[in-house]
């Protein structure tokens, strides 16, 4: 009986994957090319995909950071920005840009748009999917480019690489230290929670589900189980038959979500340093709450609006100041596994 149930679930997952791929194919009509430089993509290039709206102030450092890491080409979907983001990105020689004024929510929060672009341009490439406020780190990232990581994953026959989202924040009020374009946001938002995390396995998709950190204790203190998920699988050796299900929290086929060791030991993993909490956050949160385009009727942004009315200081006596990836490994938040 158990085997029959397992086969039925696997069949349902195949149907769901097919449905999401069809959705992505249909949603391609919502994307209008601003500048398409994908003809310059070479077979072994590492690609970065991102959806954004009104993030111009963040883009100079974001591009610098990932170029230095070794990203070869950027593919952006601009969701109707009016701050100059689209034109700024169009001027970048290693970027291709699409724009859309259609609903972010009806595109499954941008997932359909990026699934299509990855189907079209990511097949056979290592692809990294991140937001403009997320900075990917991995073991030895201070001395090795991202290609060293992907070459090792290829040699190990590993198709996906997990990373926990780590919320970074300043000490003091969020508006006390203004952020300027081109600045490293981690110079301001350099603190994080070393503990305060819960983790369990999602038996439907096989991924781990992680919650906690400053958002759980500050904005969701009364109901931490409603706090945002922190588990992500941003780096994947993409195949046109793959699909993200919910942001980068989980994929289909489900085997891509097994980025952790099930039978003891540790697999190599990374982190996404999340720099949402700068002085720009209050304005951004108010805009997104008004737009109502986020998950669960913008529940997360409603919590932010309520919490920000008291000008919270996310720093507490248990906060840790970020040093490097080795510090995070010592704290048990990421691992180099057997990569030496």
C-alpha atoms as a PDB file:
ATOM      1  CA  UNK A   1       0.000   0.000   0.000  1.00  0.00           C
ATOM      2  CA  UNK A   2       2.852   2.339   0.878  1.00  0.00           C
ATOM      3  CA  UNK A   3       4.510   1.776  -2.494  1.00  0.00           C
ATOM      4  CA  UNK A   4       1.258   2.491  -4.329  1.00  0.00           C
ATOM      5  CA  UNK A   5       0.855   5.734  -2.364  1.00  0.00           C
ATOM      6  CA  UNK A   6       4.449   6.729  -3.149  1.00  0.00           C
ATOM      7  CA  UNK A   7       3.995   6.068  -6.860  1.00  0.00           C
ATOM      8  CA  UNK A   8       0.764   8.071  -6.868  1.00  0.00           C
ATOM      9  CA  UNK A   9       2.481  11.004  -5.197  1.00  0.00           C
ATOM     10  CA  UNK A  10       5.369  10.864  -7.685  1.00  0.00           C
ATOM     11  CA  UNK A  11       2.853  10.895 -10.534  1.00  0.00           C
ATOM     12  CA  UNK A  12       1.086  13.927  -9.045  1.00  0.00           C
ATOM     13  CA  UNK A  13       4.423  15.718  -8.765  1.00  0.00           C
ATOM     14  CA  UNK A  14       5.198  15.044 -12.431  1.00  0.00           C
ATOM     15  CA  UNK A  15       1.830  16.481 -13.382  1.00  0.00           C
ATOM     16  CA  UNK A  16       2.451  19.514 -11.187  1.00  0.00           C
ATOM     17  CA  UNK A  17       5.858  20.089 -12.763  1.00  0.00           C
ATOM     18  CA  UNK A  18       4.320  19.860 -16.217  1.00  0.00           C
ATOM     19  CA  UNK A  19       1.621  22.346 -15.215  1.00  0.00           C
ATOM     20  CA  UNK A  20       4.189  24.847 -13.912  1.00  0.00           C
ATOM     21  CA  UNK A  21       6.239  24.527 -17.093  1.00  0.00           C
ATOM     22  CA  UNK A  22       3.145  25.181 -19.198  1.00  0.00           C
ATOM     23  CA  UNK A  23       2.360  28.240 -17.031  1.00  0.00           C
ATOM     24  CA  UNK A  24       5.878  29.554 -17.585  1.00  0.00           C
ATOM     25  CA  UNK A  25       5.564  29.013 -21.337  1.00  0.00           C
ATOM     26  CA  UNK A  26       2.314  30.986 -21.404  1.00  0.00           C
ATOM     27  CA  UNK A  27       3.671  33.766 -19.184  1.00  0.00           C
ATOM     28  CA  UNK A  28       6.479  34.402 -21.670  1.00  0.00           C
ATOM     29  CA  UNK A  29       4.003  36.647 -23.529  1.00  0.00           C
ATOM     30  CA  UNK A  30       4.035  39.050 -20.593  1.00  0.00           C
ATOM     31  CA  UNK A  31       7.753  39.740 -21.010  1.00  0.00           C
ATOM     32  CA  UNK A  32       8.976  42.402 -23.404  1.00  0.00           C
ATOM     33  CA  UNK A  33      12.663  42.426 -24.279  1.00  0.00           C
ATOM     34  CA  UNK A  34      14.490  45.653 -23.441  1.00  0.00           C
ATOM     35  CA  UNK A  35      17.896  44.381 -24.499  1.00  0.00           C
ATOM     36  CA  UNK A  36      18.761  40.778 -25.366  1.00  0.00           C
ATOM     37  CA  UNK A  37      22.459  39.898 -25.277  1.00  0.00           C
ATOM     38  CA  UNK A  38      21.911  36.174 -24.708  1.00  0.00           C
ATOM     39  CA  UNK A  39      23.595  35.373 -28.043  1.00  0.00           C
ATOM     40  CA  UNK A  40      26.857  36.156 -26.254  1.00  0.00           C
ATOM     41  CA  UNK A  41      26.301  33.414 -23.646  1.00  0.00           C
ATOM     42  CA  UNK A  42      28.902  30.657 -23.992  1.00  0.00           C
ATOM     43  CA  UNK A  43      28.288  26.976 -23.184  1.00  0.00           C
ATOM     44  CA  UNK A  44      30.032  26.981 -19.776  1.00  0.00           C
ATOM     45  CA  UNK A  45      28.915  30.420 -18.605  1.00  0.00           C
ATOM     46  CA  UNK A  46      27.428  30.754 -15.133  1.00  0.00           C
ATOM     47  CA  UNK A  47      24.196  32.744 -15.276  1.00  0.00           C
ATOM     48  CA  UNK A  48      22.377  34.858 -12.702  1.00  0.00           C
ATOM     49  CA  UNK A  49      18.596  35.379 -12.883  1.00  0.00           C
ATOM     50  CA  UNK A  50      16.701  37.994 -10.886  1.00  0.00           C
ATOM     51  CA  UNK A  51      13.343  39.776 -10.736  1.00  0.00           C
ATOM     52  CA  UNK A  52      13.229  43.312  -9.391  1.00  0.00           C
ATOM     53  CA  UNK A  53      11.256  46.504  -9.018  1.00  0.00           C
ATOM     54  CA  UNK A  54      12.716  49.926  -8.127  1.00  0.00           C
ATOM     55  CA  UNK A  55      16.118  48.683  -6.956  1.00  0.00           C
ATOM     56  CA  UNK A  56      18.423  51.132  -8.751  1.00  0.00           C
ATOM     57  CA  UNK A  57      20.200  52.191  -5.565  1.00  0.00           C
ATOM     58  CA  UNK A  58      21.242  48.569  -4.920  1.00  0.00           C
ATOM     59  CA  UNK A  59      22.271  47.589  -8.442  1.00  0.00           C
ATOM     60  CA  UNK A  60      25.821  49.050  -8.709  1.00  0.00           C
ATOM     61  CA  UNK A  61      27.166  47.051  -5.777  1.00  0.00           C
ATOM     62  CA  UNK A  62      25.047  43.994  -6.608  1.00  0.00           C
ATOM     63  CA  UNK A  63      26.568  43.786 -10.098  1.00  0.00           C
ATOM     64  CA  UNK A  64      30.085  44.435  -8.778  1.00  0.00           C
ATOM     65  CA  UNK A  65      29.756  41.727  -6.147  1.00  0.00           C
ATOM     66  CA  UNK A  66      28.579  39.027  -8.532  1.00  0.00           C
ATOM     67  CA  UNK A  67      30.968  39.981 -11.328  1.00  0.00           C
ATOM     68  CA  UNK A  68      33.860  39.577  -8.914  1.00  0.00           C
ATOM     69  CA  UNK A  69      32.419  36.215  -7.846  1.00  0.00           C
ATOM     70  CA  UNK A  70      32.552  35.021 -11.462  1.00  0.00           C
ATOM     71  CA  UNK A  71      29.026  35.412 -12.873  1.00  0.00           C
ATOM     72  CA  UNK A  72      29.277  35.606 -16.677  1.00  0.00           C
ATOM     73  CA  UNK A  73      25.845  36.919 -17.647  1.00  0.00           C
ATOM     74  CA  UNK A  74      22.879  38.501 -15.861  1.00  0.00           C
ATOM     75  CA  UNK A  75      19.235  38.001 -16.901  1.00  0.00           C
ATOM     76  CA  UNK A  76      16.800  40.436 -15.269  1.00  0.00           C
ATOM     77  CA  UNK A  77      13.032  40.830 -15.271  1.00  0.00           C
ATOM     78  CA  UNK A  78      12.094  44.402 -14.385  1.00  0.00           C
ATOM     79  CA  UNK A  79       8.552  44.578 -13.012  1.00  0.00           C
ATOM     80  CA  UNK A  80       7.566  48.083 -14.130  1.00  0.00           C
ATOM     81  CA  UNK A  81      10.223  50.079 -12.252  1.00  0.00           C
ATOM     82  CA  UNK A  82       9.923  53.854 -12.321  1.00  0.00           C
ATOM     83  CA  UNK A  83      13.245  54.731 -10.657  1.00  0.00           C
ATOM     84  CA  UNK A  84      15.538  54.151 -13.653  1.00  0.00           C
ATOM     85  CA  UNK A  85      16.429  50.534 -12.823  1.00  0.00           C
ATOM     86  CA  UNK A  86      15.470  49.278 -16.273  1.00  0.00           C
ATOM     87  CA  UNK A  87      17.592  51.818 -18.184  1.00  0.00           C
ATOM     88  CA  UNK A  88      20.524  51.322 -15.836  1.00  0.00           C
ATOM     89  CA  UNK A  89      20.509  47.565 -16.392  1.00  0.00           C
ATOM     90  CA  UNK A  90      20.069  47.945 -20.138  1.00  0.00           C
ATOM     91  CA  UNK A  91      23.383  49.834 -20.239  1.00  0.00           C
ATOM     92  CA  UNK A  92      25.291  46.941 -18.649  1.00  0.00           C
ATOM     93  CA  UNK A  93      27.247  44.995 -21.311  1.00  0.00           C
ATOM     94  CA  UNK A  94      26.828  41.617 -19.573  1.00  0.00           C
ATOM     95  CA  UNK A  95      23.096  41.882 -18.904  1.00  0.00           C
ATOM     96  CA  UNK A  96      19.913  40.967 -20.763  1.00  0.00           C
ATOM     97  CA  UNK A  97      16.753  42.690 -19.587  1.00  0.00           C
ATOM     98  CA  UNK A  98      13.031  42.040 -19.970  1.00  0.00           C
ATOM     99  CA  UNK A  99      10.264  44.227 -18.642  1.00  0.00           C
ATOM    100  CA  UNK A 100       6.634  43.652 -17.710  1.00  0.00           C
ATOM    101  CA  UNK A 101       3.867  45.698 -16.147  1.00  0.00           C
ATOM    102  CA  UNK A 102       1.789  42.581 -15.482  1.00  0.00           C
ATOM    103  CA  UNK A 103       0.936  41.241 -12.043  1.00  0.00           C
ATOM    104  CA  UNK A 104       3.851  39.901 -10.005  1.00  0.00           C
ATOM    105  CA  UNK A 105       1.331  37.990  -7.900  1.00  0.00           C
ATOM    106  CA  UNK A 106      -0.368  36.346 -10.903  1.00  0.00           C
ATOM    107  CA  UNK A 107       3.042  35.239 -12.155  1.00  0.00           C
ATOM    108  CA  UNK A 108       3.387  33.290  -8.892  1.00  0.00           C
ATOM    109  CA  UNK A 109       5.490  36.115  -7.457  1.00  0.00           C
ATOM    110  CA  UNK A 110       7.775  36.222 -10.482  1.00  0.00           C
ATOM    111  CA  UNK A 111       8.513  32.496 -10.492  1.00  0.00           C
ATOM    112  CA  UNK A 112       6.744  31.918 -13.815  1.00  0.00           C
ATOM    113  CA  UNK A 113       8.799  34.619 -15.543  1.00  0.00           C
ATOM    114  CA  UNK A 114      12.130  33.288 -14.324  1.00  0.00           C
ATOM    115  CA  UNK A 115      11.139  29.669 -14.970  1.00  0.00           C
ATOM    116  CA  UNK A 116      10.554  30.628 -18.592  1.00  0.00           C
ATOM    117  CA  UNK A 117      13.879  32.458 -18.926  1.00  0.00           C
ATOM    118  CA  UNK A 118      15.704  29.536 -17.338  1.00  0.00           C
ATOM    119  CA  UNK A 119      13.938  27.093 -19.651  1.00  0.00           C
ATOM    120  CA  UNK A 120      14.894  29.263 -22.628  1.00  0.00           C
ATOM    121  CA  UNK A 121      18.434  30.320 -21.704  1.00  0.00           C
ATOM    122  CA  UNK A 122      19.574  28.322 -18.653  1.00  0.00           C
ATOM    123  CA  UNK A 123      19.529  24.752 -20.001  1.00  0.00           C
ATOM    124  CA  UNK A 124      22.901  23.092 -19.348  1.00  0.00           C
ATOM    125  CA  UNK A 125      24.219  26.034 -17.317  1.00  0.00           C
ATOM    126  CA  UNK A 126      24.776  26.534 -13.630  1.00  0.00           C
ATOM    127  CA  UNK A 127      22.177  29.170 -12.747  1.00  0.00           C
ATOM    128  CA  UNK A 128      22.015  31.342  -9.638  1.00  0.00           C
ATOM    129  CA  UNK A 129      18.652  32.906  -8.726  1.00  0.00           C
ATOM    130  CA  UNK A 130      18.841  35.747  -6.202  1.00  0.00           C
ATOM    131  CA  UNK A 131      17.101  39.003  -5.331  1.00  0.00           C
ATOM    132  CA  UNK A 132      18.994  42.332  -5.458  1.00  0.00           C
ATOM    133  CA  UNK A 133      19.241  42.346  -1.658  1.00  0.00           C
ATOM    134  CA  UNK A 134      20.739  38.822  -1.429  1.00  0.00           C
ATOM    135  CA  UNK A 135      24.469  38.077  -1.454  1.00  0.00           C
ATOM    136  CA  UNK A 136      25.457  34.462  -1.995  1.00  0.00           C
ATOM    137  CA  UNK A 137      28.423  33.078  -0.068  1.00  0.00           C
ATOM    138  CA  UNK A 138      29.808  29.551  -0.077  1.00  0.00           C
ATOM    139  CA  UNK A 139      32.799  27.702   1.435  1.00  0.00           C
ATOM    140  CA  UNK A 140      36.102  29.302   0.404  1.00  0.00           C
ATOM    141  CA  UNK A 141      34.321  32.161  -1.379  1.00  0.00           C
ATOM    142  CA  UNK A 142      37.034  34.507  -0.105  1.00  0.00           C
ATOM    143  CA  UNK A 143      39.691  32.656  -2.145  1.00  0.00           C
ATOM    144  CA  UNK A 144      37.833  30.693  -4.853  1.00  0.00           C
ATOM    145  CA  UNK A 145      35.507  31.931  -7.618  1.00  0.00           C
ATOM    146  CA  UNK A 146      32.079  30.418  -8.051  1.00  0.00           C
ATOM    147  CA  UNK A 147      33.380  28.319 -10.944  1.00  0.00           C
ATOM    148  CA  UNK A 148      35.543  26.392  -8.482  1.00  0.00           C
ATOM    149  CA  UNK A 149      32.356  25.498  -6.619  1.00  0.00           C
ATOM    150  CA  UNK A 150      30.395  24.507  -9.737  1.00  0.00           C
ATOM    151  CA  UNK A 151      33.331  22.474 -11.089  1.00  0.00           C
ATOM    152  CA  UNK A 152      33.481  20.583  -7.799  1.00  0.00           C
ATOM    153  CA  UNK A 153      29.708  20.019  -7.847  1.00  0.00           C
ATOM    154  CA  UNK A 154      29.963  18.736 -11.434  1.00  0.00           C
ATOM    155  CA  UNK A 155      32.775  16.364 -10.467  1.00  0.00           C
ATOM    156  CA  UNK A 156      30.681  15.175  -7.517  1.00  0.00           C
ATOM    157  CA  UNK A 157      27.602  14.647  -9.743  1.00  0.00           C
ATOM    158  CA  UNK A 158      25.615  17.136  -7.654  1.00  0.00           C
ATOM    159  CA  UNK A 159      22.930  19.154  -9.435  1.00  0.00           C
ATOM    160  CA  UNK A 160      21.834  21.642  -6.754  1.00  0.00           C
ATOM    161  CA  UNK A 161      23.332  23.581  -3.865  1.00  0.00           C
ATOM    162  CA  UNK A 162      21.387  24.805  -0.835  1.00  0.00           C
ATOM    163  CA  UNK A 163      21.760  28.053   1.061  1.00  0.00           C
ATOM    164  CA  UNK A 164      20.055  29.433   4.132  1.00  0.00           C
ATOM    165  CA  UNK A 165      18.792  33.010   4.018  1.00  0.00           C
ATOM    166  CA  UNK A 166      20.464  34.965   6.823  1.00  0.00           C
ATOM    167  CA  UNK A 167      18.792  38.259   7.690  1.00  0.00           C
ATOM    168  CA  UNK A 168      21.376  40.986   8.230  1.00  0.00           C
ATOM    169  CA  UNK A 169      20.613  44.208  10.102  1.00  0.00           C
ATOM    170  CA  UNK A 170      22.339  47.289  11.565  1.00  0.00           C
ATOM    171  CA  UNK A 171      22.779  48.152  15.212  1.00  0.00           C
ATOM    172  CA  UNK A 172      20.278  50.865  16.039  1.00  0.00           C
ATOM    173  CA  UNK A 173      17.408  52.331  14.048  1.00  0.00           C
ATOM    174  CA  UNK A 174      17.192  51.354  10.409  1.00  0.00           C
ATOM    175  CA  UNK A 175      17.202  54.972   9.266  1.00  0.00           C
ATOM    176  CA  UNK A 176      20.263  55.955  11.302  1.00  0.00           C
ATOM    177  CA  UNK A 177      22.797  55.072   8.562  1.00  0.00           C
ATOM    178  CA  UNK A 178      21.720  56.125   5.042  1.00  0.00           C
ATOM    179  CA  UNK A 179      22.672  53.747   2.249  1.00  0.00           C
ATOM    180  CA  UNK A 180      24.180  55.206  -0.934  1.00  0.00           C
ATOM    181  CA  UNK A 181      24.514  53.553  -4.348  1.00  0.00           C
ATOM    182  CA  UNK A 182      27.710  51.560  -4.812  1.00  0.00           C
ATOM    183  CA  UNK A 183      28.266  51.002  -1.094  1.00  0.00           C
ATOM    184  CA  UNK A 184      28.617  47.520   0.380  1.00  0.00           C
ATOM    185  CA  UNK A 185      25.346  47.099   2.343  1.00  0.00           C
ATOM    186  CA  UNK A 186      27.097  44.687   4.710  1.00  0.00           C
ATOM    187  CA  UNK A 187      29.068  47.623   6.098  1.00  0.00           C
ATOM    188  CA  UNK A 188      25.770  48.860   7.529  1.00  0.00           C
ATOM    189  CA  UNK A 189      23.727  45.682   7.948  1.00  0.00           C
ATOM    190  CA  UNK A 190      26.526  43.637   9.511  1.00  0.00           C
ATOM    191  CA  UNK A 191      24.714  41.891  12.401  1.00  0.00           C
ATOM    192  CA  UNK A 192      22.748  38.637  12.432  1.00  0.00           C
ATOM    193  CA  UNK A 193      21.061  36.122  14.736  1.00  0.00           C
ATOM    194  CA  UNK A 194      23.353  33.183  15.457  1.00  0.00           C
ATOM    195  CA  UNK A 195      20.489  31.072  16.809  1.00  0.00           C
ATOM    196  CA  UNK A 196      16.727  31.281  17.086  1.00  0.00           C
ATOM    197  CA  UNK A 197      16.017  28.965  14.124  1.00  0.00           C
ATOM    198  CA  UNK A 198      13.594  26.084  13.701  1.00  0.00           C
ATOM    199  CA  UNK A 199      13.953  23.422  11.035  1.00  0.00           C
ATOM    200  CA  UNK A 200      11.858  20.504   9.818  1.00  0.00           C
ATOM    201  CA  UNK A 201      11.478  18.404   6.701  1.00  0.00           C
ATOM    202  CA  UNK A 202       8.746  19.098   4.190  1.00  0.00           C
ATOM    203  CA  UNK A 203       7.654  15.551   3.360  1.00  0.00           C
ATOM    204  CA  UNK A 204       5.778  16.581   0.220  1.00  0.00           C
ATOM    205  CA  UNK A 205       8.727  18.233  -1.538  1.00  0.00           C
ATOM    206  CA  UNK A 206      11.575  16.756   0.584  1.00  0.00           C
ATOM    207  CA  UNK A 207      13.165  20.154   1.247  1.00  0.00           C
ATOM    208  CA  UNK A 208      14.027  21.447   4.693  1.00  0.00           C
ATOM    209  CA  UNK A 209      11.857  24.276   6.025  1.00  0.00           C
ATOM    210  CA  UNK A 210      13.727  26.851   8.113  1.00  0.00           C
ATOM    211  CA  UNK A 211      12.254  29.795  10.017  1.00  0.00           C
ATOM    212  CA  UNK A 212      13.452  32.206  12.664  1.00  0.00           C
ATOM    213  CA  UNK A 213      15.925  35.048  12.964  1.00  0.00           C
ATOM    214  CA  UNK A 214      15.140  38.728  13.534  1.00  0.00           C
ATOM    215  CA  UNK A 215      11.966  38.746  11.423  1.00  0.00           C
ATOM    216  CA  UNK A 216      10.440  35.939  13.474  1.00  0.00           C
ATOM    217  CA  UNK A 217      11.299  37.503  16.834  1.00  0.00           C
ATOM    218  CA  UNK A 218      10.423  41.094  15.865  1.00  0.00           C
ATOM    219  CA  UNK A 219       7.601  41.042  13.331  1.00  0.00           C
ATOM    220  CA  UNK A 220       6.099  37.590  13.997  1.00  0.00           C
ATOM    221  CA  UNK A 221       6.757  37.223  17.725  1.00  0.00           C
ATOM    222  CA  UNK A 222       3.133  36.282  18.416  1.00  0.00           C
ATOM    223  CA  UNK A 223       3.051  33.639  15.694  1.00  0.00           C
ATOM    224  CA  UNK A 224       6.597  32.643  14.620  1.00  0.00           C
ATOM    225  CA  UNK A 225       5.276  29.800  12.447  1.00  0.00           C
ATOM    226  CA  UNK A 226       3.972  32.451  10.054  1.00  0.00           C
ATOM    227  CA  UNK A 227       7.440  33.959   9.670  1.00  0.00           C
ATOM    228  CA  UNK A 228       9.086  33.854   6.213  1.00  0.00           C
ATOM    229  CA  UNK A 229      10.898  30.691   5.134  1.00  0.00           C
ATOM    230  CA  UNK A 230      14.694  30.919   5.144  1.00  0.00           C
ATOM    231  CA  UNK A 231      15.537  27.749   3.183  1.00  0.00           C
ATOM    232  CA  UNK A 232      16.566  28.235  -0.451  1.00  0.00           C
ATOM    233  CA  UNK A 233      18.190  26.330  -3.302  1.00  0.00           C
ATOM    234  CA  UNK A 234      19.530  29.196  -5.430  1.00  0.00           C
ATOM    235  CA  UNK A 235      22.263  27.386  -7.393  1.00  0.00           C
ATOM    236  CA  UNK A 236      21.208  24.647  -9.832  1.00  0.00           C
ATOM    237  CA  UNK A 237      22.700  22.922 -12.874  1.00  0.00           C
ATOM    238  CA  UNK A 238      19.631  23.776 -14.880  1.00  0.00           C
ATOM    239  CA  UNK A 239      17.681  21.525 -17.215  1.00  0.00           C
ATOM    240  CA  UNK A 240      14.748  22.798 -19.252  1.00  0.00           C
ATOM    241  CA  UNK A 241      12.475  20.252 -17.526  1.00  0.00           C
ATOM    242  CA  UNK A 242      13.180  21.683 -14.057  1.00  0.00           C
ATOM    243  CA  UNK A 243      10.935  24.234 -12.386  1.00  0.00           C
ATOM    244  CA  UNK A 244      10.912  26.297  -9.226  1.00  0.00           C
ATOM    245  CA  UNK A 245       7.714  25.875  -7.223  1.00  0.00           C
ATOM    246  CA  UNK A 246       7.761  28.640  -4.615  1.00  0.00           C
ATOM    247  CA  UNK A 247      10.470  31.289  -5.047  1.00  0.00           C
ATOM    248  CA  UNK A 248      13.727  29.352  -4.676  1.00  0.00           C
ATOM    249  CA  UNK A 249      12.432  27.517  -1.600  1.00  0.00           C
ATOM    250  CA  UNK A 250      11.767  24.299  -3.521  1.00  0.00           C
ATOM    251  CA  UNK A 251      11.996  22.747  -6.964  1.00  0.00           C
ATOM    252  CA  UNK A 252      10.673  19.940  -9.072  1.00  0.00           C
ATOM    253  CA  UNK A 253      11.794  17.230  -9.550  1.00  0.00           C
ATOM    254  CA  UNK A 254      11.975  16.795  -5.797  1.00  0.00           C
ATOM    255  CA  UNK A 255      15.433  15.230  -5.797  1.00  0.00           C
ATOM    256  CA  UNK A 256      16.875  18.715  -6.361  1.00  0.00           C
ATOM    257  CA  UNK A 257      15.678  19.670  -2.873  1.00  0.00           C
ATOM    258  CA  UNK A 258      17.876  17.043  -1.177  1.00  0.00           C
ATOM    259  CA  UNK A 259      20.697  19.492  -0.523  1.00  0.00           C
ATOM    260  CA  UNK A 260      21.273  18.121   2.973  1.00  0.00           C
ATOM    261  CA  UNK A 261      22.691  14.827   4.261  1.00  0.00           C
ATOM    262  CA  UNK A 262      19.925  12.418   5.276  1.00  0.00           C
ATOM    263  CA  UNK A 263      22.001   9.650   6.865  1.00  0.00           C
ATOM    264  CA  UNK A 264      24.507  11.503   9.010  1.00  0.00           C
ATOM    265  CA  UNK A 265      27.351  13.836   8.160  1.00  0.00           C
ATOM    266  CA  UNK A 266      27.027  17.148   6.352  1.00  0.00           C
ATOM    267  CA  UNK A 267      26.753  18.262   2.759  1.00  0.00           C
ATOM    268  CA  UNK A 268      28.408  21.470   1.653  1.00  0.00           C
ATOM    269  CA  UNK A 269      26.042  24.422   1.844  1.00  0.00           C
ATOM    270  CA  UNK A 270      26.074  28.177   1.502  1.00  0.00           C
ATOM    271  CA  UNK A 271      24.299  31.279   2.759  1.00  0.00           C
ATOM    272  CA  UNK A 272      22.370  34.152   1.273  1.00  0.00           C
ATOM    273  CA  UNK A 273      23.195  37.279   3.257  1.00  0.00           C
ATOM    274  CA  UNK A 274      19.902  39.156   3.156  1.00  0.00           C
ATOM    275  CA  UNK A 275      20.355  42.938   3.353  1.00  0.00           C
ATOM    276  CA  UNK A 276      16.698  43.981   3.289  1.00  0.00           C
ATOM    277  CA  UNK A 277      16.996  46.023   6.471  1.00  0.00           C
ATOM    278  CA  UNK A 278      18.561  49.304   5.366  1.00  0.00           C
ATOM    279  CA  UNK A 279      17.153  52.826   5.672  1.00  0.00           C
ATOM    280  CA  UNK A 280      15.371  52.248   2.338  1.00  0.00           C
ATOM    281  CA  UNK A 281      13.240  49.488   3.854  1.00  0.00           C
ATOM    282  CA  UNK A 282      10.386  51.579   5.301  1.00  0.00           C
ATOM    283  CA  UNK A 283       9.592  53.210   1.962  1.00  0.00           C
ATOM    284  CA  UNK A 284       9.933  49.881   0.144  1.00  0.00           C
ATOM    285  CA  UNK A 285       7.678  48.084   2.614  1.00  0.00           C
ATOM    286  CA  UNK A 286       4.993  50.777   2.367  1.00  0.00           C
ATOM    287  CA  UNK A 287       5.072  50.622  -1.447  1.00  0.00           C
ATOM    288  CA  UNK A 288       4.787  46.836  -1.540  1.00  0.00           C
ATOM    289  CA  UNK A 289       1.963  46.842   1.000  1.00  0.00           C
ATOM    290  CA  UNK A 290       0.033  49.289  -1.192  1.00  0.00           C
ATOM    291  CA  UNK A 291       0.673  47.206  -4.312  1.00  0.00           C
ATOM    292  CA  UNK A 292      -0.531  44.015  -2.592  1.00  0.00           C
ATOM    293  CA  UNK A 293       1.502  41.795  -4.906  1.00  0.00           C
ATOM    294  CA  UNK A 294       3.174  39.532  -2.360  1.00  0.00           C
ATOM    295  CA  UNK A 295       2.470  36.118  -0.883  1.00  0.00           C
ATOM    296  CA  UNK A 296      -0.604  35.484   1.315  1.00  0.00           C
ATOM    297  CA  UNK A 297      -2.185  38.881   0.609  1.00  0.00           C
ATOM    298  CA  UNK A 298       1.069  40.603   1.572  1.00  0.00           C
ATOM    299  CA  UNK A 299       0.861  39.205   5.108  1.00  0.00           C
ATOM    300  CA  UNK A 300       4.601  39.683   5.547  1.00  0.00           C
ATOM    301  CA  UNK A 301       4.445  43.365   4.575  1.00  0.00           C
ATOM    302  CA  UNK A 302       1.451  43.962   6.849  1.00  0.00           C
ATOM    303  CA  UNK A 303       3.583  42.674   9.712  1.00  0.00           C
ATOM    304  CA  UNK A 304       6.412  44.984   8.658  1.00  0.00           C
ATOM    305  CA  UNK A 305       4.072  47.989   8.546  1.00  0.00           C
ATOM    306  CA  UNK A 306       2.855  47.301  12.065  1.00  0.00           C
ATOM    307  CA  UNK A 307       6.344  46.684  13.418  1.00  0.00           C
ATOM    308  CA  UNK A 308       7.973  49.644  11.697  1.00  0.00           C
ATOM    309  CA  UNK A 309       5.528  52.070  13.307  1.00  0.00           C
ATOM    310  CA  UNK A 310       7.571  51.669  16.499  1.00  0.00           C
ATOM    311  CA  UNK A 311      10.965  52.222  14.779  1.00  0.00           C
ATOM    312  CA  UNK A 312      12.346  48.853  15.932  1.00  0.00           C
ATOM    313  CA  UNK A 313      15.985  48.156  16.616  1.00  0.00           C
ATOM    314  CA  UNK A 314      16.555  44.608  15.363  1.00  0.00           C
ATOM    315  CA  UNK A 315      19.830  44.354  17.273  1.00  0.00           C
ATOM    316  CA  UNK A 316      19.756  42.500  20.585  1.00  0.00           C
ATOM    317  CA  UNK A 317      22.321  41.278  23.111  1.00  0.00           C
ATOM    318  CA  UNK A 318      22.556  37.918  21.326  1.00  0.00           C
ATOM    319  CA  UNK A 319      23.364  39.468  17.938  1.00  0.00           C
ATOM    320  CA  UNK A 320      26.610  38.477  16.229  1.00  0.00           C
ATOM    321  CA  UNK A 321      28.694  40.739  14.005  1.00  0.00           C
ATOM    322  CA  UNK A 322      29.464  39.155  10.633  1.00  0.00           C
ATOM    323  CA  UNK A 323      33.113  38.380   9.893  1.00  0.00           C
ATOM    324  CA  UNK A 324      33.276  35.740   7.145  1.00  0.00           C
ATOM    325  CA  UNK A 325      31.962  32.358   5.988  1.00  0.00           C
ATOM    326  CA  UNK A 326      34.207  30.463   8.402  1.00  0.00           C
ATOM    327  CA  UNK A 327      32.441  32.142  11.319  1.00  0.00           C
ATOM    328  CA  UNK A 328      29.104  30.900   9.956  1.00  0.00           C
ATOM    329  CA  UNK A 329      30.488  27.384   9.621  1.00  0.00           C
ATOM    330  CA  UNK A 330      31.692  27.410  13.227  1.00  0.00           C
ATOM    331  CA  UNK A 331      28.198  28.503  14.285  1.00  0.00           C
ATOM    332  CA  UNK A 332      26.704  25.587  12.342  1.00  0.00           C
ATOM    333  CA  UNK A 333      24.792  27.763   9.876  1.00  0.00           C
ATOM    334  CA  UNK A 334      26.629  26.463   6.805  1.00  0.00           C
ATOM    335  CA  UNK A 335      29.124  23.729   5.992  1.00  0.00           C
ATOM    336  CA  UNK A 336      32.026  23.011   3.674  1.00  0.00           C
ATOM    337  CA  UNK A 337      31.113  19.302   3.783  1.00  0.00           C
ATOM    338  CA  UNK A 338      33.857  17.250   2.166  1.00  0.00           C
ATOM    339  CA  UNK A 339      35.032  20.056  -0.109  1.00  0.00           C
ATOM    340  CA  UNK A 340      38.608  20.782   0.836  1.00  0.00           C
END
